[in-house]
Amino acid sequence: MEETQKRTLCFAVRSLNNLVNRFMEKGTESINRAYNITPMHGFIIGFLSHNKDRNIYQKDIEQKLSIRSSTVTSMLKLMEKNGLLTRESVEEDARLKKIVLTRKAYDMQKETSQAMQSIDDELTSALTTEELDTFFGIINKIKDKIQDAHNTNASNAT
């Protein structure tokens, strides 16, 4: 008799995340190699590019992409070294450094954006509009629950 594994949300999300990451990496591999970046660098560049009309700081990247401060710090340092961004002081507070993309990063973003749109189109082609709406609704509920739990734990620790 075959034993069936109990379905768990964490396992399913992790498995899906791994599959989607591999699919995206394959679709953007030549661009990433040409610009010497990782897929996460591409996400940061995409976020900065889509928000070029406002000041973006490291904290914004941490929150939007749900990554730790130390991880973002090391990635931004490498991206700055590779000529993809600069950090500039702002008049209101010299301690704050806004993150600004270079021309090289914008050129890369154009190529990546086209590749990512093709990847997204392929992935979503298996779902109806209603299924996508439901999927994103569920994702947002789970994210909100995790953020609420994190905020509750953080406030209890102080």
C-alpha atoms as a PDB file:
ATOM      1  CA  MET A   1       0.000   0.000   0.000  1.00  0.00           C
ATOM      2  CA  GLU A   2       1.385   3.403  -1.011  1.00  0.00           C
ATOM      3  CA  GLU A   3       1.727   5.959   1.765  1.00  0.00           C
ATOM      4  CA  THR A   4       0.510   9.436   0.842  1.00  0.00           C
ATOM      5  CA  GLN A   5       2.220  12.507   2.192  1.00  0.00           C
ATOM      6  CA  LYS A   6       0.031  14.995   4.012  1.00  0.00           C
ATOM      7  CA  ARG A   7      -0.331  18.199   2.037  1.00  0.00           C
ATOM      8  CA  THR A   8       1.190  21.201   3.758  1.00  0.00           C
ATOM      9  CA  LEU A   9       1.088  24.791   2.625  1.00  0.00           C
ATOM     10  CA  CYS A  10       4.724  25.450   3.462  1.00  0.00           C
ATOM     11  CA  PHE A  11       5.932  22.494   1.406  1.00  0.00           C
ATOM     12  CA  ALA A  12       3.714  23.415  -1.558  1.00  0.00           C
ATOM     13  CA  VAL A  13       4.806  27.071  -1.528  1.00  0.00           C
ATOM     14  CA  ARG A  14       8.474  26.138  -1.218  1.00  0.00           C
ATOM     15  CA  SER A  15       8.208  23.642  -4.054  1.00  0.00           C
ATOM     16  CA  LEU A  16       6.405  26.137  -6.292  1.00  0.00           C
ATOM     17  CA  ASN A  17       8.956  28.826  -5.420  1.00  0.00           C
ATOM     18  CA  ASN A  18      11.817  26.533  -6.435  1.00  0.00           C
ATOM     19  CA  LEU A  19      10.154  25.617  -9.733  1.00  0.00           C
ATOM     20  CA  VAL A  20       9.315  29.218 -10.619  1.00  0.00           C
ATOM     21  CA  ASN A  21      12.842  30.381  -9.713  1.00  0.00           C
ATOM     22  CA  ARG A  22      14.404  27.756 -11.988  1.00  0.00           C
ATOM     23  CA  PHE A  23      11.997  28.671 -14.785  1.00  0.00           C
ATOM     24  CA  MET A  24      12.837  32.379 -14.449  1.00  0.00           C
ATOM     25  CA  GLU A  25      16.564  31.735 -14.199  1.00  0.00           C
ATOM     26  CA  LYS A  26      16.471  29.723 -17.410  1.00  0.00           C
ATOM     27  CA  GLY A  27      14.514  32.476 -19.168  1.00  0.00           C
ATOM     28  CA  THR A  28      16.887  35.237 -18.074  1.00  0.00           C
ATOM     29  CA  GLU A  29      20.152  33.284 -17.982  1.00  0.00           C
ATOM     30  CA  SER A  30      21.817  34.972 -20.957  1.00  0.00           C
ATOM     31  CA  ILE A  31      20.926  38.469 -19.684  1.00  0.00           C
ATOM     32  CA  ASN A  32      22.131  37.673 -16.167  1.00  0.00           C
ATOM     33  CA  ARG A  33      25.390  36.334 -17.549  1.00  0.00           C
ATOM     34  CA  ALA A  34      25.910  39.324 -19.852  1.00  0.00           C
ATOM     35  CA  TYR A  35      25.448  41.815 -16.994  1.00  0.00           C
ATOM     36  CA  ASN A  36      27.020  39.627 -14.276  1.00  0.00           C
ATOM     37  CA  ILE A  37      23.937  39.699 -12.034  1.00  0.00           C
ATOM     38  CA  THR A  38      21.840  37.262 -10.055  1.00  0.00           C
ATOM     39  CA  PRO A  39      18.073  36.929 -10.455  1.00  0.00           C
ATOM     40  CA  MET A  40      17.578  38.822  -7.172  1.00  0.00           C
ATOM     41  CA  HIS A  41      19.635  41.711  -8.546  1.00  0.00           C
ATOM     42  CA  GLY A  42      17.209  41.713 -11.455  1.00  0.00           C
ATOM     43  CA  PHE A  43      14.253  41.990  -9.067  1.00  0.00           C
ATOM     44  CA  ILE A  44      15.899  44.927  -7.294  1.00  0.00           C
ATOM     45  CA  ILE A  45      16.605  46.669 -10.596  1.00  0.00           C
ATOM     46  CA  GLY A  46      13.015  46.041 -11.697  1.00  0.00           C
ATOM     47  CA  PHE A  47      11.654  47.497  -8.448  1.00  0.00           C
ATOM     48  CA  LEU A  48      13.885  50.566  -8.722  1.00  0.00           C
ATOM     49  CA  SER A  49      13.044  51.029 -12.394  1.00  0.00           C
ATOM     50  CA  HIS A  50       9.296  50.883 -11.748  1.00  0.00           C
ATOM     51  CA  ASN A  51       9.698  53.464  -8.950  1.00  0.00           C
ATOM     52  CA  LYS A  52      12.119  55.833 -10.665  1.00  0.00           C
ATOM     53  CA  ASP A  53       9.862  58.835  -9.973  1.00  0.00           C
ATOM     54  CA  ARG A  54      10.327  58.600  -6.206  1.00  0.00           C
ATOM     55  CA  ASN A  55      13.187  58.198  -3.782  1.00  0.00           C
ATOM     56  CA  ILE A  56      13.818  54.571  -2.889  1.00  0.00           C
ATOM     57  CA  TYR A  57      15.920  53.622   0.107  1.00  0.00           C
ATOM     58  CA  GLN A  58      17.352  50.304   1.261  1.00  0.00           C
ATOM     59  CA  LYS A  59      14.457  49.841   3.709  1.00  0.00           C
ATOM     60  CA  ASP A  60      11.962  50.054   0.806  1.00  0.00           C
ATOM     61  CA  ILE A  61      13.758  47.219  -0.992  1.00  0.00           C
ATOM     62  CA  GLU A  62      13.819  45.112   2.172  1.00  0.00           C
ATOM     63  CA  GLN A  63      10.086  45.556   2.680  1.00  0.00           C
ATOM     64  CA  LYS A  64       8.968  45.160  -0.925  1.00  0.00           C
ATOM     65  CA  LEU A  65      11.032  42.048  -1.626  1.00  0.00           C
ATOM     66  CA  SER A  66      10.791  40.612   1.924  1.00  0.00           C
ATOM     67  CA  ILE A  67      14.534  40.219   2.354  1.00  0.00           C
ATOM     68  CA  ARG A  68      16.745  40.939   5.345  1.00  0.00           C
ATOM     69  CA  SER A  69      18.749  44.109   5.792  1.00  0.00           C
ATOM     70  CA  SER A  70      22.114  42.316   5.770  1.00  0.00           C
ATOM     71  CA  THR A  71      21.235  40.565   2.500  1.00  0.00           C
ATOM     72  CA  VAL A  72      20.159  43.808   0.835  1.00  0.00           C
ATOM     73  CA  THR A  73      23.283  45.584   2.080  1.00  0.00           C
ATOM     74  CA  SER A  74      25.621  43.041   0.492  1.00  0.00           C
ATOM     75  CA  MET A  75      23.644  42.935  -2.757  1.00  0.00           C
ATOM     76  CA  LEU A  76      23.585  46.734  -3.083  1.00  0.00           C
ATOM     77  CA  LYS A  77      27.342  46.924  -2.436  1.00  0.00           C
ATOM     78  CA  LEU A  78      28.003  44.400  -5.204  1.00  0.00           C
ATOM     79  CA  MET A  79      25.578  46.105  -7.590  1.00  0.00           C
ATOM     80  CA  GLU A  80      27.248  49.449  -6.916  1.00  0.00           C
ATOM     81  CA  LYS A  81      30.683  47.909  -7.520  1.00  0.00           C
ATOM     82  CA  ASN A  82      29.392  46.473 -10.830  1.00  0.00           C
ATOM     83  CA  GLY A  83      28.172  49.892 -11.967  1.00  0.00           C
ATOM     84  CA  LEU A  84      24.433  49.153 -11.759  1.00  0.00           C
ATOM     85  CA  LEU A  85      23.489  51.718  -9.132  1.00  0.00           C
ATOM     86  CA  THR A  86      24.691  54.580  -6.994  1.00  0.00           C
ATOM     87  CA  ARG A  87      23.733  55.689  -3.498  1.00  0.00           C
ATOM     88  CA  GLU A  88      23.131  59.390  -3.137  1.00  0.00           C
ATOM     89  CA  SER A  89      22.524  61.527  -0.058  1.00  0.00           C
ATOM     90  CA  VAL A  90      19.226  63.382   0.200  1.00  0.00           C
ATOM     91  CA  GLU A  91      18.884  66.971   1.369  1.00  0.00           C
ATOM     92  CA  GLU A  92      16.323  66.204   4.101  1.00  0.00           C
ATOM     93  CA  ASP A  93      18.614  63.776   5.947  1.00  0.00           C
ATOM     94  CA  ALA A  94      22.272  63.237   5.070  1.00  0.00           C
ATOM     95  CA  ARG A  95      22.144  59.817   6.787  1.00  0.00           C
ATOM     96  CA  LEU A  96      19.662  58.556   4.187  1.00  0.00           C
ATOM     97  CA  LYS A  97      20.981  57.314   0.866  1.00  0.00           C
ATOM     98  CA  LYS A  98      18.577  56.975  -2.025  1.00  0.00           C
ATOM     99  CA  ILE A  99      19.284  54.189  -4.481  1.00  0.00           C
ATOM    100  CA  VAL A 100      19.637  55.356  -8.090  1.00  0.00           C
ATOM    101  CA  LEU A 101      20.028  53.143 -11.151  1.00  0.00           C
ATOM    102  CA  THR A 102      22.732  53.794 -13.728  1.00  0.00           C
ATOM    103  CA  ARG A 103      22.255  53.794 -17.511  1.00  0.00           C
ATOM    104  CA  LYS A 104      23.750  50.286 -17.581  1.00  0.00           C
ATOM    105  CA  ALA A 105      21.017  49.065 -15.217  1.00  0.00           C
ATOM    106  CA  TYR A 106      18.253  50.687 -17.285  1.00  0.00           C
ATOM    107  CA  ASP A 107      19.605  49.015 -20.432  1.00  0.00           C
ATOM    108  CA  MET A 108      19.607  45.667 -18.652  1.00  0.00           C
ATOM    109  CA  GLN A 109      16.101  46.291 -17.299  1.00  0.00           C
ATOM    110  CA  LYS A 110      14.700  46.730 -20.815  1.00  0.00           C
ATOM    111  CA  GLU A 111      15.989  43.305 -21.823  1.00  0.00           C
ATOM    112  CA  THR A 112      14.941  41.652 -18.568  1.00  0.00           C
ATOM    113  CA  SER A 113      11.471  43.175 -18.645  1.00  0.00           C
ATOM    114  CA  GLN A 114      10.745  41.603 -22.029  1.00  0.00           C
ATOM    115  CA  ALA A 115      12.021  38.214 -20.873  1.00  0.00           C
ATOM    116  CA  MET A 116      10.053  38.374 -17.612  1.00  0.00           C
ATOM    117  CA  GLN A 117       6.857  39.318 -19.451  1.00  0.00           C
ATOM    118  CA  SER A 118       7.242  36.244 -21.650  1.00  0.00           C
ATOM    119  CA  ILE A 119       7.843  34.065 -18.591  1.00  0.00           C
ATOM    120  CA  ASP A 120       4.844  35.526 -16.773  1.00  0.00           C
ATOM    121  CA  ASP A 121       2.643  35.094 -19.850  1.00  0.00           C
ATOM    122  CA  GLU A 122       3.652  31.460 -20.120  1.00  0.00           C
ATOM    123  CA  LEU A 123       3.031  30.739 -16.435  1.00  0.00           C
ATOM    124  CA  THR A 124      -0.327  32.500 -16.299  1.00  0.00           C
ATOM    125  CA  SER A 125      -1.589  30.984 -19.548  1.00  0.00           C
ATOM    126  CA  ALA A 126      -2.599  27.891 -17.575  1.00  0.00           C
ATOM    127  CA  LEU A 127      -5.014  29.930 -15.416  1.00  0.00           C
ATOM    128  CA  THR A 128      -8.229  31.846 -16.019  1.00  0.00           C
ATOM    129  CA  THR A 129      -8.613  35.455 -14.921  1.00  0.00           C
ATOM    130  CA  GLU A 130     -10.777  34.295 -12.025  1.00  0.00           C
ATOM    131  CA  GLU A 131      -8.185  31.732 -10.955  1.00  0.00           C
ATOM    132  CA  LEU A 132      -5.460  34.394 -11.038  1.00  0.00           C
ATOM    133  CA  ASP A 133      -7.609  36.750  -8.947  1.00  0.00           C
ATOM    134  CA  THR A 134      -8.184  33.970  -6.411  1.00  0.00           C
ATOM    135  CA  PHE A 135      -4.490  33.023  -6.410  1.00  0.00           C
ATOM    136  CA  PHE A 136      -3.344  36.587  -5.759  1.00  0.00           C
ATOM    137  CA  GLY A 137      -6.041  37.040  -3.109  1.00  0.00           C
ATOM    138  CA  ILE A 138      -4.797  33.964  -1.268  1.00  0.00           C
ATOM    139  CA  ILE A 139      -1.159  35.041  -1.571  1.00  0.00           C
ATOM    140  CA  ASN A 140      -2.015  38.448  -0.094  1.00  0.00           C
ATOM    141  CA  LYS A 141      -3.931  36.865   2.803  1.00  0.00           C
ATOM    142  CA  ILE A 142      -0.985  34.630   3.651  1.00  0.00           C
ATOM    143  CA  LYS A 143       1.495  37.526   3.379  1.00  0.00           C
ATOM    144  CA  ASP A 144      -0.708  39.676   5.641  1.00  0.00           C
ATOM    145  CA  LYS A 145      -0.952  36.857   8.201  1.00  0.00           C
ATOM    146  CA  ILE A 146       2.815  36.384   8.236  1.00  0.00           C
ATOM    147  CA  GLN A 147       3.454  40.131   8.528  1.00  0.00           C
ATOM    148  CA  ASP A 148       0.895  40.437  11.354  1.00  0.00           C
ATOM    149  CA  ALA A 149       2.512  37.536  13.194  1.00  0.00           C
ATOM    150  CA  HIS A 150       5.955  39.056  12.679  1.00  0.00           C
ATOM    151  CA  ASN A 151       4.786  42.464  13.927  1.00  0.00           C
ATOM    152  CA  THR A 152       3.092  40.873  16.958  1.00  0.00           C
ATOM    153  CA  ASN A 153       6.224  38.885  17.811  1.00  0.00           C
ATOM    154  CA  ALA A 154       8.419  41.970  17.371  1.00  0.00           C
ATOM    155  CA  SER A 155       6.218  44.096  19.647  1.00  0.00           C
ATOM    156  CA  ASN A 156       6.087  41.331  22.281  1.00  0.00           C
ATOM    157  CA  ALA A 157       9.886  41.149  22.301  1.00  0.00           C
ATOM    158  CA  THR A 158      10.256  44.786  23.305  1.00  0.00           C
END
